[in-house]
């Protein structure tokens, strides 16, 4: 991927690829095999990757490039599997990005309080 792509472009391109692979044979595509196994398996993978990301973050040292790369790798795995989950539920990363954009002018405390009402 090029450095000139912004985050939205990368997520959109990945979403397009995931939708294509969703329709592939499960023998030819890891993504298709996850979809075939169903939502519970996809959620299991999201949980697994979330745990691995947390562990990598706990071990991350700002002075250690290897530990930083491990955290980057685990975060990429988490984002990937989260996007598979969204795809399985016919949701898009654009919807998540729009929600984040809507929160730009709201303090985190106000946003959290609004969800409790």
PDB file of N, CA and C in Angstrom:
ATOM      1  N   UNK A   1       0.844  -1.182   0.000  1.00  0.00           N
ATOM      2  CA  UNK A   1       0.000   0.000   0.000  1.00  0.00           C
ATOM      3  C   UNK A   1       0.888   1.245   0.000  1.00  0.00           C
ATOM      4  N   UNK A   2       0.445   2.246  -0.642  1.00  0.00           N
ATOM      5  CA  UNK A   2       1.186   3.487  -0.743  1.00  0.00           C
ATOM      6  C   UNK A   2       1.029   4.331   0.510  1.00  0.00           C
ATOM      7  N   UNK A   3       2.067   5.098   0.826  1.00  0.00           N
ATOM      8  CA  UNK A   3       2.013   5.998   1.976  1.00  0.00           C
ATOM      9  C   UNK A   3       1.024   7.134   1.757  1.00  0.00           C
ATOM     10  N   UNK A   4       0.624   7.373   0.500  1.00  0.00           N
ATOM     11  CA  UNK A   4      -0.275   8.491   0.228  1.00  0.00           C
ATOM     12  C   UNK A   4      -1.738   8.145   0.497  1.00  0.00           C
ATOM     13  N   UNK A   5      -2.030   6.875   0.705  1.00  0.00           N
ATOM     14  CA  UNK A   5      -3.404   6.507   1.033  1.00  0.00           C
ATOM     15  C   UNK A   5      -3.718   6.945   2.453  1.00  0.00           C
ATOM     16  N   UNK A   6      -4.883   7.534   2.643  1.00  0.00           N
ATOM     17  CA  UNK A   6      -5.262   7.867   4.016  1.00  0.00           C
ATOM     18  C   UNK A   6      -5.992   6.686   4.633  1.00  0.00           C
ATOM     19  N   UNK A   7      -6.255   6.795   5.914  1.00  0.00           N
ATOM     20  CA  UNK A   7      -6.865   5.683   6.641  1.00  0.00           C
ATOM     21  C   UNK A   7      -8.191   5.257   6.017  1.00  0.00           C
ATOM     22  N   UNK A   8      -9.021   6.221   5.656  1.00  0.00           N
ATOM     23  CA  UNK A   8     -10.305   5.900   5.047  1.00  0.00           C
ATOM     24  C   UNK A   8     -10.145   5.130   3.754  1.00  0.00           C
ATOM     25  N   UNK A   9      -9.145   5.523   2.952  1.00  0.00           N
ATOM     26  CA  UNK A   9      -8.901   4.828   1.688  1.00  0.00           C
ATOM     27  C   UNK A   9      -8.467   3.387   1.927  1.00  0.00           C
ATOM     28  N   UNK A  10      -7.590   3.198   2.896  1.00  0.00           N
ATOM     29  CA  UNK A  10      -7.110   1.844   3.204  1.00  0.00           C
ATOM     30  C   UNK A  10      -8.263   0.976   3.679  1.00  0.00           C
ATOM     31  N   UNK A  11      -9.075   1.514   4.584  1.00  0.00           N
ATOM     32  CA  UNK A  11     -10.205   0.741   5.092  1.00  0.00           C
ATOM     33  C   UNK A  11     -11.213   0.437   3.987  1.00  0.00           C
ATOM     34  N   UNK A  12     -11.451   1.405   3.118  1.00  0.00           N
ATOM     35  CA  UNK A  12     -12.389   1.184   2.019  1.00  0.00           C
ATOM     36  C   UNK A  12     -11.873   0.116   1.055  1.00  0.00           C
ATOM     37  N   UNK A  13     -10.583   0.182   0.742  1.00  0.00           N
ATOM     38  CA  UNK A  13     -10.002  -0.824  -0.150  1.00  0.00           C
ATOM     39  C   UNK A  13     -10.052  -2.210   0.492  1.00  0.00           C
ATOM     40  N   UNK A  14      -9.720  -2.284   1.782  1.00  0.00           N
ATOM     41  CA  UNK A  14      -9.790  -3.563   2.479  1.00  0.00           C
ATOM     42  C   UNK A  14     -11.226  -4.081   2.521  1.00  0.00           C
ATOM     43  N   UNK A  15     -12.198  -3.199   2.759  1.00  0.00           N
ATOM     44  CA  UNK A  15     -13.604  -3.612   2.789  1.00  0.00           C
ATOM     45  C   UNK A  15     -14.030  -4.191   1.449  1.00  0.00           C
ATOM     46  N   UNK A  16     -13.573  -3.595   0.372  1.00  0.00           N
ATOM     47  CA  UNK A  16     -13.891  -4.089  -0.970  1.00  0.00           C
ATOM     48  C   UNK A  16     -13.315  -5.490  -1.164  1.00  0.00           C
ATOM     49  N   UNK A  17     -12.065  -5.678  -0.759  1.00  0.00           N
ATOM     50  CA  UNK A  17     -11.425  -6.990  -0.880  1.00  0.00           C
ATOM     51  C   UNK A  17     -12.154  -8.016  -0.020  1.00  0.00           C
ATOM     52  N   UNK A  18     -12.522  -7.634   1.203  1.00  0.00           N
ATOM     53  CA  UNK A  18     -13.225  -8.561   2.085  1.00  0.00           C
ATOM     54  C   UNK A  18     -14.570  -8.985   1.504  1.00  0.00           C
ATOM     55  N   UNK A  19     -15.288  -8.050   0.888  1.00  0.00           N
ATOM     56  CA  UNK A  19     -16.567  -8.391   0.257  1.00  0.00           C
ATOM     57  C   UNK A  19     -16.363  -9.369  -0.893  1.00  0.00           C
ATOM     58  N   UNK A  20     -15.301  -9.175  -1.668  1.00  0.00           N
ATOM     59  CA  UNK A  20     -15.006 -10.090  -2.769  1.00  0.00           C
ATOM     60  C   UNK A  20     -14.670 -11.485  -2.247  1.00  0.00           C
ATOM     61  N   UNK A  21     -13.855 -11.530  -1.208  1.00  0.00           N
ATOM     62  CA  UNK A  21     -13.428 -12.815  -0.661  1.00  0.00           C
ATOM     63  C   UNK A  21     -14.548 -13.521   0.092  1.00  0.00           C
ATOM     64  N   UNK A  22     -15.485 -12.750   0.583  1.00  0.00           N
ATOM     65  CA  UNK A  22     -16.646 -13.309   1.278  1.00  0.00           C
ATOM     66  C   UNK A  22     -17.391 -14.281   0.360  1.00  0.00           C
ATOM     67  N   UNK A  23     -17.347 -14.019  -0.934  1.00  0.00           N
ATOM     68  CA  UNK A  23     -18.072 -14.816  -1.920  1.00  0.00           C
ATOM     69  C   UNK A  23     -17.212 -15.930  -2.524  1.00  0.00           C
ATOM     70  N   UNK A  24     -15.957 -16.030  -2.079  1.00  0.00           N
ATOM     71  CA  UNK A  24     -15.038 -17.042  -2.600  1.00  0.00           C
ATOM     72  C   UNK A  24     -15.304 -18.395  -1.961  1.00  0.00           C
ATOM     73  N   UNK A  25     -14.592 -19.372  -2.446  1.00  0.00           N
ATOM     74  CA  UNK A  25     -14.645 -20.709  -1.857  1.00  0.00           C
ATOM     75  C   UNK A  25     -13.874 -20.687  -0.538  1.00  0.00           C
ATOM     76  N   UNK A  26     -14.434 -21.355   0.479  1.00  0.00           N
ATOM     77  CA  UNK A  26     -13.769 -21.380   1.778  1.00  0.00           C
ATOM     78  C   UNK A  26     -12.439 -22.133   1.712  1.00  0.00           C
ATOM     79  N   UNK A  27     -12.275 -22.967   0.721  1.00  0.00           N
ATOM     80  CA  UNK A  27     -11.007 -23.664   0.534  1.00  0.00           C
ATOM     81  C   UNK A  27      -9.924 -22.778  -0.054  1.00  0.00           C
ATOM     82  N   UNK A  28     -10.335 -21.674  -0.646  1.00  0.00           N
ATOM     83  CA  UNK A  28      -9.394 -20.764  -1.298  1.00  0.00           C
ATOM     84  C   UNK A  28      -9.184 -19.473  -0.527  1.00  0.00           C
ATOM     85  N   UNK A  29     -10.044 -19.175   0.449  1.00  0.00           N
ATOM     86  CA  UNK A  29      -9.985 -17.892   1.117  1.00  0.00           C
ATOM     87  C   UNK A  29     -10.219 -18.037   2.617  1.00  0.00           C
ATOM     88  N   UNK A  30      -9.287 -17.502   3.389  1.00  0.00           N
ATOM     89  CA  UNK A  30      -9.432 -17.485   4.843  1.00  0.00           C
ATOM     90  C   UNK A  30     -10.686 -16.714   5.234  1.00  0.00           C
ATOM     91  N   UNK A  31     -10.924 -15.575   4.577  1.00  0.00           N
ATOM     92  CA  UNK A  31     -12.098 -14.750   4.878  1.00  0.00           C
ATOM     93  C   UNK A  31     -13.376 -15.539   4.606  1.00  0.00           C
ATOM     94  N   UNK A  32     -13.443 -16.214   3.466  1.00  0.00           N
ATOM     95  CA  UNK A  32     -14.626 -17.018   3.140  1.00  0.00           C
ATOM     96  C   UNK A  32     -14.821 -18.127   4.173  1.00  0.00           C
ATOM     97  N   UNK A  33     -13.717 -18.717   4.635  1.00  0.00           N
ATOM     98  CA  UNK A  33     -13.849 -19.785   5.634  1.00  0.00           C
ATOM     99  C   UNK A  33     -14.400 -19.244   6.950  1.00  0.00           C
ATOM    100  N   UNK A  34     -14.012 -18.028   7.320  1.00  0.00           N
ATOM    101  CA  UNK A  34     -14.570 -17.423   8.533  1.00  0.00           C
ATOM    102  C   UNK A  34     -16.069 -17.189   8.371  1.00  0.00           C
ATOM    103  N   UNK A  35     -16.465 -16.645   7.229  1.00  0.00           N
ATOM    104  CA  UNK A  35     -17.893 -16.401   6.988  1.00  0.00           C
ATOM    105  C   UNK A  35     -18.677 -17.711   7.012  1.00  0.00           C
ATOM    106  N   UNK A  36     -18.102 -18.747   6.439  1.00  0.00           N
ATOM    107  CA  UNK A  36     -18.782 -20.048   6.414  1.00  0.00           C
ATOM    108  C   UNK A  36     -18.967 -20.597   7.834  1.00  0.00           C
ATOM    109  N   UNK A  37     -17.987 -20.351   8.701  1.00  0.00           N
ATOM    110  CA  UNK A  37     -18.068 -20.836  10.082  1.00  0.00           C
ATOM    111  C   UNK A  37     -19.044 -20.022  10.920  1.00  0.00           C
ATOM    112  N   UNK A  38     -19.368 -18.818  10.460  1.00  0.00           N
ATOM    113  CA  UNK A  38     -20.400 -18.030  11.106  1.00  0.00           C
ATOM    114  C   UNK A  38     -19.908 -16.964  12.069  1.00  0.00           C
ATOM    115  N   UNK A  39     -20.872 -16.202  12.562  1.00  0.00           N
ATOM    116  CA  UNK A  39     -20.577 -15.049  13.405  1.00  0.00           C
ATOM    117  C   UNK A  39     -19.836 -15.433  14.676  1.00  0.00           C
ATOM    118  N   UNK A  40     -20.219 -16.524  15.316  1.00  0.00           N
ATOM    119  CA  UNK A  40     -19.551 -16.895  16.567  1.00  0.00           C
ATOM    120  C   UNK A  40     -18.060 -17.122  16.373  1.00  0.00           C
ATOM    121  N   UNK A  41     -17.661 -17.754  15.278  1.00  0.00           N
ATOM    122  CA  UNK A  41     -16.237 -17.973  15.003  1.00  0.00           C
ATOM    123  C   UNK A  41     -15.541 -16.646  14.734  1.00  0.00           C
ATOM    124  N   UNK A  42     -16.207 -15.763  13.995  1.00  0.00           N
ATOM    125  CA  UNK A  42     -15.622 -14.452  13.714  1.00  0.00           C
ATOM    126  C   UNK A  42     -15.440 -13.680  15.021  1.00  0.00           C
ATOM    127  N   UNK A  43     -16.440 -13.718  15.891  1.00  0.00           N
ATOM    128  CA  UNK A  43     -16.336 -13.018  17.176  1.00  0.00           C
ATOM    129  C   UNK A  43     -15.246 -13.633  18.049  1.00  0.00           C
ATOM    130  N   UNK A  44     -15.095 -14.936  17.969  1.00  0.00           N
ATOM    131  CA  UNK A  44     -14.012 -15.609  18.696  1.00  0.00           C
ATOM    132  C   UNK A  44     -12.659 -15.053  18.245  1.00  0.00           C
ATOM    133  N   UNK A  45     -12.499 -14.891  16.928  1.00  0.00           N
ATOM    134  CA  UNK A  45     -11.250 -14.346  16.388  1.00  0.00           C
ATOM    135  C   UNK A  45     -11.050 -12.892  16.820  1.00  0.00           C
ATOM    136  N   UNK A  46     -12.111 -12.094  16.832  1.00  0.00           N
ATOM    137  CA  UNK A  46     -11.995 -10.703  17.289  1.00  0.00           C
ATOM    138  C   UNK A  46     -11.536 -10.691  18.747  1.00  0.00           C
ATOM    139  N   UNK A  47     -12.137 -11.530  19.577  1.00  0.00           N
ATOM    140  CA  UNK A  47     -11.753 -11.599  20.981  1.00  0.00           C
ATOM    141  C   UNK A  47     -10.308 -12.052  21.161  1.00  0.00           C
ATOM    142  N   UNK A  48      -9.919 -13.056  20.393  1.00  0.00           N
ATOM    143  CA  UNK A  48      -8.542 -13.563  20.447  1.00  0.00           C
ATOM    144  C   UNK A  48      -7.551 -12.458  20.077  1.00  0.00           C
ATOM    145  N   UNK A  49      -7.859 -11.740  18.986  1.00  0.00           N
ATOM    146  CA  UNK A  49      -6.960 -10.676  18.539  1.00  0.00           C
ATOM    147  C   UNK A  49      -6.949  -9.502  19.516  1.00  0.00           C
ATOM    148  N   UNK A  50      -8.084  -9.222  20.148  1.00  0.00           N
ATOM    149  CA  UNK A  50      -8.131  -8.152  21.150  1.00  0.00           C
ATOM    150  C   UNK A  50      -7.225  -8.507  22.324  1.00  0.00           C
ATOM    151  N   UNK A  51      -7.283  -9.747  22.777  1.00  0.00           N
ATOM    152  CA  UNK A  51      -6.428 -10.190  23.874  1.00  0.00           C
ATOM    153  C   UNK A  51      -4.956 -10.110  23.491  1.00  0.00           C
ATOM    154  N   UNK A  52      -4.626 -10.558  22.286  1.00  0.00           N
ATOM    155  CA  UNK A  52      -3.238 -10.502  21.827  1.00  0.00           C
ATOM    156  C   UNK A  52      -2.755  -9.062  21.693  1.00  0.00           C
ATOM    157  N   UNK A  53      -3.644  -8.157  21.299  1.00  0.00           N
ATOM    158  CA  UNK A  53      -3.285  -6.741  21.204  1.00  0.00           C
ATOM    159  C   UNK A  53      -3.004  -6.168  22.591  1.00  0.00           C
ATOM    160  N   UNK A  54      -3.853  -6.504  23.544  1.00  0.00           N
ATOM    161  CA  UNK A  54      -3.652  -6.040  24.919  1.00  0.00           C
ATOM    162  C   UNK A  54      -2.320  -6.536  25.465  1.00  0.00           C
ATOM    163  N   UNK A  55      -2.025  -7.803  25.260  1.00  0.00           N
ATOM    164  CA  UNK A  55      -0.762  -8.362  25.750  1.00  0.00           C
ATOM    165  C   UNK A  55       0.440  -7.699  25.078  1.00  0.00           C
ATOM    166  N   UNK A  56       0.342  -7.463  23.790  1.00  0.00           N
ATOM    167  CA  UNK A  56       1.436  -6.790  23.079  1.00  0.00           C
ATOM    168  C   UNK A  56       1.607  -5.361  23.583  1.00  0.00           C
ATOM    169  N   UNK A  57       0.503  -4.687  23.896  1.00  0.00           N
ATOM    170  CA  UNK A  57       0.591  -3.317  24.418  1.00  0.00           C
ATOM    171  C   UNK A  57       1.254  -3.307  25.790  1.00  0.00           C
ATOM    172  N   UNK A  58       0.915  -4.293  26.623  1.00  0.00           N
ATOM    173  CA  UNK A  58       1.532  -4.375  27.953  1.00  0.00           C
ATOM    174  C   UNK A  58       3.038  -4.584  27.839  1.00  0.00           C
ATOM    175  N   UNK A  59       3.465  -5.300  26.806  1.00  0.00           N
ATOM    176  CA  UNK A  59       4.890  -5.586  26.613  1.00  0.00           C
ATOM    177  C   UNK A  59       5.603  -4.534  25.770  1.00  0.00           C
ATOM    178  N   UNK A  60       4.863  -3.565  25.270  1.00  0.00           N
ATOM    179  CA  UNK A  60       5.445  -2.581  24.360  1.00  0.00           C
ATOM    180  C   UNK A  60       6.339  -1.597  25.113  1.00  0.00           C
ATOM    181  N   UNK A  61       7.488  -1.372  24.544  1.00  0.00           N
ATOM    182  CA  UNK A  61       8.464  -0.435  25.096  1.00  0.00           C
ATOM    183  C   UNK A  61       8.777   0.578  23.995  1.00  0.00           C
ATOM    184  N   UNK A  62       8.621   1.858  24.323  1.00  0.00           N
ATOM    185  CA  UNK A  62       8.838   2.913  23.326  1.00  0.00           C
ATOM    186  C   UNK A  62      10.262   2.897  22.771  1.00  0.00           C
ATOM    187  N   UNK A  63      11.167   2.272  23.477  1.00  0.00           N
ATOM    188  CA  UNK A  63      12.561   2.218  23.035  1.00  0.00           C
ATOM    189  C   UNK A  63      12.902   0.922  22.303  1.00  0.00           C
ATOM    190  N   UNK A  64      11.898   0.057  22.109  1.00  0.00           N
ATOM    191  CA  UNK A  64      12.151  -1.246  21.518  1.00  0.00           C
ATOM    192  C   UNK A  64      11.320  -1.416  20.256  1.00  0.00           C
ATOM    193  N   UNK A  65      11.988  -1.322  19.116  1.00  0.00           N
ATOM    194  CA  UNK A  65      11.287  -1.397  17.832  1.00  0.00           C
ATOM    195  C   UNK A  65      10.588  -2.731  17.636  1.00  0.00           C
ATOM    196  N   UNK A  66      11.169  -3.795  18.149  1.00  0.00           N
ATOM    197  CA  UNK A  66      10.567  -5.114  17.995  1.00  0.00           C
ATOM    198  C   UNK A  66       9.237  -5.211  18.741  1.00  0.00           C
ATOM    199  N   UNK A  67       9.192  -4.688  19.960  1.00  0.00           N
ATOM    200  CA  UNK A  67       7.936  -4.736  20.712  1.00  0.00           C
ATOM    201  C   UNK A  67       6.896  -3.797  20.099  1.00  0.00           C
ATOM    202  N   UNK A  68       7.349  -2.686  19.540  1.00  0.00           N
ATOM    203  CA  UNK A  68       6.422  -1.782  18.855  1.00  0.00           C
ATOM    204  C   UNK A  68       5.834  -2.457  17.620  1.00  0.00           C
ATOM    205  N   UNK A  69       6.678  -3.160  16.866  1.00  0.00           N
ATOM    206  CA  UNK A  69       6.196  -3.861  15.669  1.00  0.00           C
ATOM    207  C   UNK A  69       5.226  -4.958  16.044  1.00  0.00           C
ATOM    208  N   UNK A  70       5.489  -5.642  17.158  1.00  0.00           N
ATOM    209  CA  UNK A  70       4.564  -6.689  17.617  1.00  0.00           C
ATOM    210  C   UNK A  70       3.193  -6.092  17.904  1.00  0.00           C
ATOM    211  N   UNK A  71       3.163  -4.925  18.531  1.00  0.00           N
ATOM    212  CA  UNK A  71       1.883  -4.262  18.812  1.00  0.00           C
ATOM    213  C   UNK A  71       1.200  -3.827  17.527  1.00  0.00           C
ATOM    214  N   UNK A  72       1.957  -3.302  16.596  1.00  0.00           N
ATOM    215  CA  UNK A  72       1.391  -2.900  15.299  1.00  0.00           C
ATOM    216  C   UNK A  72       0.793  -4.122  14.597  1.00  0.00           C
ATOM    217  N   UNK A  73       1.512  -5.224  14.605  1.00  0.00           N
ATOM    218  CA  UNK A  73       1.026  -6.449  13.953  1.00  0.00           C
ATOM    219  C   UNK A  73      -0.267  -6.938  14.591  1.00  0.00           C
ATOM    220  N   UNK A  74      -0.314  -6.963  15.907  1.00  0.00           N
ATOM    221  CA  UNK A  74      -1.519  -7.437  16.598  1.00  0.00           C
ATOM    222  C   UNK A  74      -2.697  -6.484  16.380  1.00  0.00           C
ATOM    223  N   UNK A  75      -2.420  -5.194  16.360  1.00  0.00           N
ATOM    224  CA  UNK A  75      -3.492  -4.220  16.108  1.00  0.00           C
ATOM    225  C   UNK A  75      -4.035  -4.398  14.688  1.00  0.00           C
ATOM    226  N   UNK A  76      -3.159  -4.638  13.734  1.00  0.00           N
ATOM    227  CA  UNK A  76      -3.603  -4.890  12.358  1.00  0.00           C
ATOM    228  C   UNK A  76      -4.490  -6.134  12.301  1.00  0.00           C
ATOM    229  N   UNK A  77      -4.098  -7.185  13.029  1.00  0.00           N
ATOM    230  CA  UNK A  77      -4.926  -8.399  13.076  1.00  0.00           C
ATOM    231  C   UNK A  77      -6.300  -8.107  13.680  1.00  0.00           C
ATOM    232  N   UNK A  78      -6.311  -7.303  14.738  1.00  0.00           N
ATOM    233  CA  UNK A  78      -7.577  -6.938  15.391  1.00  0.00           C
ATOM    234  C   UNK A  78      -8.460  -6.145  14.439  1.00  0.00           C
ATOM    235  N   UNK A  79      -7.888  -5.139  13.801  1.00  0.00           N
ATOM    236  CA  UNK A  79      -8.677  -4.337  12.855  1.00  0.00           C
ATOM    237  C   UNK A  79      -9.204  -5.203  11.719  1.00  0.00           C
ATOM    238  N   UNK A  80      -8.350  -6.086  11.186  1.00  0.00           N
ATOM    239  CA  UNK A  80      -8.753  -6.966  10.090  1.00  0.00           C
ATOM    240  C   UNK A  80      -9.954  -7.814  10.496  1.00  0.00           C
ATOM    241  N   UNK A  81      -9.855  -8.484  11.627  1.00  0.00           N
ATOM    242  CA  UNK A  81     -10.943  -9.360  12.046  1.00  0.00           C
ATOM    243  C   UNK A  81     -12.196  -8.571  12.425  1.00  0.00           C
ATOM    244  N   UNK A  82     -12.016  -7.366  12.929  1.00  0.00           N
ATOM    245  CA  UNK A  82     -13.165  -6.501  13.202  1.00  0.00           C
ATOM    246  C   UNK A  82     -13.864  -6.135  11.898  1.00  0.00           C
ATOM    247  N   UNK A  83     -13.085  -5.901  10.857  1.00  0.00           N
ATOM    248  CA  UNK A  83     -13.690  -5.589   9.558  1.00  0.00           C
ATOM    249  C   UNK A  83     -14.395  -6.808   8.963  1.00  0.00           C
ATOM    250  N   UNK A  84     -13.867  -7.998   9.192  1.00  0.00           N
ATOM    251  CA  UNK A  84     -14.569  -9.217   8.755  1.00  0.00           C
ATOM    252  C   UNK A  84     -15.909  -9.296   9.483  1.00  0.00           C
ATOM    253  N   UNK A  85     -15.908  -8.981  10.783  1.00  0.00           N
ATOM    254  CA  UNK A  85     -17.148  -8.988  11.567  1.00  0.00           C
ATOM    255  C   UNK A  85     -18.159  -7.999  10.981  1.00  0.00           C
ATOM    256  N   UNK A  86     -17.702  -6.776  10.693  1.00  0.00           N
ATOM    257  CA  UNK A  86     -18.607  -5.783  10.110  1.00  0.00           C
ATOM    258  C   UNK A  86     -19.169  -6.278   8.783  1.00  0.00           C
ATOM    259  N   UNK A  87     -18.307  -6.846   7.961  1.00  0.00           N
ATOM    260  CA  UNK A  87     -18.736  -7.365   6.662  1.00  0.00           C
ATOM    261  C   UNK A  87     -19.788  -8.461   6.837  1.00  0.00           C
ATOM    262  N   UNK A  88     -19.556  -9.341   7.779  1.00  0.00           N
ATOM    263  CA  UNK A  88     -20.501 -10.433   8.022  1.00  0.00           C
ATOM    264  C   UNK A  88     -21.882  -9.898   8.409  1.00  0.00           C
ATOM    265  N   UNK A  89     -21.882  -8.762   9.096  1.00  0.00           N
ATOM    266  CA  UNK A  89     -23.139  -8.149   9.555  1.00  0.00           C
ATOM    267  C   UNK A  89     -23.649  -7.082   8.584  1.00  0.00           C
ATOM    268  N   UNK A  90     -23.074  -7.056   7.371  1.00  0.00           N
ATOM    269  CA  UNK A  90     -23.449  -6.105   6.312  1.00  0.00           C
ATOM    270  C   UNK A  90     -23.320  -4.650   6.764  1.00  0.00           C
ATOM    271  N   UNK A  91     -22.274  -4.383   7.529  1.00  0.00           N
ATOM    272  CA  UNK A  91     -21.937  -3.018   7.937  1.00  0.00           C
ATOM    273  C   UNK A  91     -20.617  -2.645   7.277  1.00  0.00           C
ATOM    274  N   UNK A  92     -20.303  -1.358   7.240  1.00  0.00           N
ATOM    275  CA  UNK A  92     -19.100  -0.902   6.543  1.00  0.00           C
ATOM    276  C   UNK A  92     -18.204  -0.093   7.472  1.00  0.00           C
ATOM    277  N   UNK A  93     -16.915  -0.050   7.143  1.00  0.00           N
ATOM    278  CA  UNK A  93     -16.026   0.810   7.918  1.00  0.00           C
ATOM    279  C   UNK A  93     -16.404   2.285   7.772  1.00  0.00           C
ATOM    280  N   UNK A  94     -17.025   2.643   6.652  1.00  0.00           N
ATOM    281  CA  UNK A  94     -17.460   4.026   6.458  1.00  0.00           C
ATOM    282  C   UNK A  94     -18.477   4.431   7.525  1.00  0.00           C
ATOM    283  N   UNK A  95     -19.320   3.493   7.917  1.00  0.00           N
ATOM    284  CA  UNK A  95     -20.301   3.792   8.968  1.00  0.00           C
ATOM    285  C   UNK A  95     -19.606   4.048  10.300  1.00  0.00           C
ATOM    286  N   UNK A  96     -18.565   3.296  10.582  1.00  0.00           N
ATOM    287  CA  UNK A  96     -17.805   3.496  11.818  1.00  0.00           C
ATOM    288  C   UNK A  96     -17.055   4.828  11.748  1.00  0.00           C
ATOM    289  N   UNK A  97     -16.428   5.113  10.607  1.00  0.00           N
ATOM    290  CA  UNK A  97     -15.712   6.378  10.453  1.00  0.00           C
ATOM    291  C   UNK A  97     -16.662   7.568  10.578  1.00  0.00           C
ATOM    292  N   UNK A  98     -17.867   7.445  10.029  1.00  0.00           N
ATOM    293  CA  UNK A  98     -18.860   8.522  10.156  1.00  0.00           C
ATOM    294  C   UNK A  98     -19.234   8.742  11.614  1.00  0.00           C
ATOM    295  N   UNK A  99     -19.381   7.662  12.372  1.00  0.00           N
ATOM    296  CA  UNK A  99     -19.687   7.779  13.799  1.00  0.00           C
ATOM    297  C   UNK A  99     -18.549   8.476  14.539  1.00  0.00           C
ATOM    298  N   UNK A 100     -17.313   8.102  14.221  1.00  0.00           N
ATOM    299  CA  UNK A 100     -16.166   8.765  14.852  1.00  0.00           C
ATOM    300  C   UNK A 100     -16.117  10.243  14.489  1.00  0.00           C
ATOM    301  N   UNK A 101     -16.401  10.550  13.227  1.00  0.00           N
ATOM    302  CA  UNK A 101     -16.416  11.946  12.786  1.00  0.00           C
ATOM    303  C   UNK A 101     -17.484  12.737  13.530  1.00  0.00           C
ATOM    304  N   UNK A 102     -18.653  12.122  13.743  1.00  0.00           N
ATOM    305  CA  UNK A 102     -19.727  12.792  14.472  1.00  0.00           C
ATOM    306  C   UNK A 102     -19.319  13.126  15.899  1.00  0.00           C
ATOM    307  N   UNK A 103     -18.371  12.408  16.426  1.00  0.00           N
ATOM    308  CA  UNK A 103     -17.936  12.608  17.811  1.00  0.00           C
ATOM    309  C   UNK A 103     -16.836  13.659  17.957  1.00  0.00           C
ATOM    310  N   UNK A 104     -16.337  14.192  16.851  1.00  0.00           N
ATOM    311  CA  UNK A 104     -15.222  15.141  16.910  1.00  0.00           C
ATOM    312  C   UNK A 104     -15.501  16.339  17.817  1.00  0.00           C
ATOM    313  N   UNK A 105     -16.692  16.875  17.794  1.00  0.00           N
ATOM    314  CA  UNK A 105     -16.987  18.090  18.548  1.00  0.00           C
ATOM    315  C   UNK A 105     -17.724  17.820  19.848  1.00  0.00           C
ATOM    316  N   UNK A 106     -17.636  16.570  20.311  1.00  0.00           N
ATOM    317  CA  UNK A 106     -18.288  16.188  21.563  1.00  0.00           C
ATOM    318  C   UNK A 106     -17.210  15.648  22.491  1.00  0.00           C
ATOM    319  N   UNK A 107     -17.204  16.113  23.720  1.00  0.00           N
ATOM    320  CA  UNK A 107     -16.211  15.570  24.654  1.00  0.00           C
ATOM    321  C   UNK A 107     -16.522  14.100  24.901  1.00  0.00           C
ATOM    322  N   UNK A 108     -15.496  13.353  25.209  1.00  0.00           N
ATOM    323  CA  UNK A 108     -15.675  11.936  25.482  1.00  0.00           C
ATOM    324  C   UNK A 108     -16.621  11.698  26.644  1.00  0.00           C
ATOM    325  N   UNK A 109     -16.565  12.548  27.642  1.00  0.00           N
ATOM    326  CA  UNK A 109     -17.452  12.394  28.798  1.00  0.00           C
ATOM    327  C   UNK A 109     -18.902  12.651  28.406  1.00  0.00           C
ATOM    328  N   UNK A 110     -19.131  13.678  27.579  1.00  0.00           N
ATOM    329  CA  UNK A 110     -20.505  13.976  27.121  1.00  0.00           C
ATOM    330  C   UNK A 110     -21.041  12.831  26.258  1.00  0.00           C
ATOM    331  N   UNK A 111     -20.192  12.307  25.354  1.00  0.00           N
ATOM    332  CA  UNK A 111     -20.622  11.233  24.468  1.00  0.00           C
ATOM    333  C   UNK A 111     -20.992  10.005  25.274  1.00  0.00           C
ATOM    334  N   UNK A 112     -20.164   9.656  26.253  1.00  0.00           N
ATOM    335  CA  UNK A 112     -20.442   8.479  27.087  1.00  0.00           C
ATOM    336  C   UNK A 112     -21.741   8.677  27.875  1.00  0.00           C
ATOM    337  N   UNK A 113     -21.952   9.862  28.424  1.00  0.00           N
ATOM    338  CA  UNK A 113     -23.163  10.143  29.182  1.00  0.00           C
ATOM    339  C   UNK A 113     -24.403  10.054  28.297  1.00  0.00           C
ATOM    340  N   UNK A 114     -24.289  10.472  27.030  1.00  0.00           N
ATOM    341  CA  UNK A 114     -25.444  10.431  26.133  1.00  0.00           C
ATOM    342  C   UNK A 114     -25.863   8.996  25.825  1.00  0.00           C
ATOM    343  N   UNK A 115     -24.920   8.053  25.862  1.00  0.00           N
ATOM    344  CA  UNK A 115     -25.252   6.657  25.601  1.00  0.00           C
ATOM    345  C   UNK A 115     -25.947   6.014  26.793  1.00  0.00           C
ATOM    346  N   UNK A 116     -25.781   6.564  27.953  1.00  0.00           N
ATOM    347  CA  UNK A 116     -26.387   6.003  29.152  1.00  0.00           C
ATOM    348  C   UNK A 116     -27.848   6.437  29.302  1.00  0.00           C
ATOM    349  N   UNK A 117     -28.257   7.459  28.559  1.00  0.00           N
ATOM    350  CA  UNK A 117     -29.639   7.957  28.633  1.00  0.00           C
ATOM    351  C   UNK A 117     -30.551   7.189  27.712  1.00  0.00           C
TER     352      UNK A 117
END
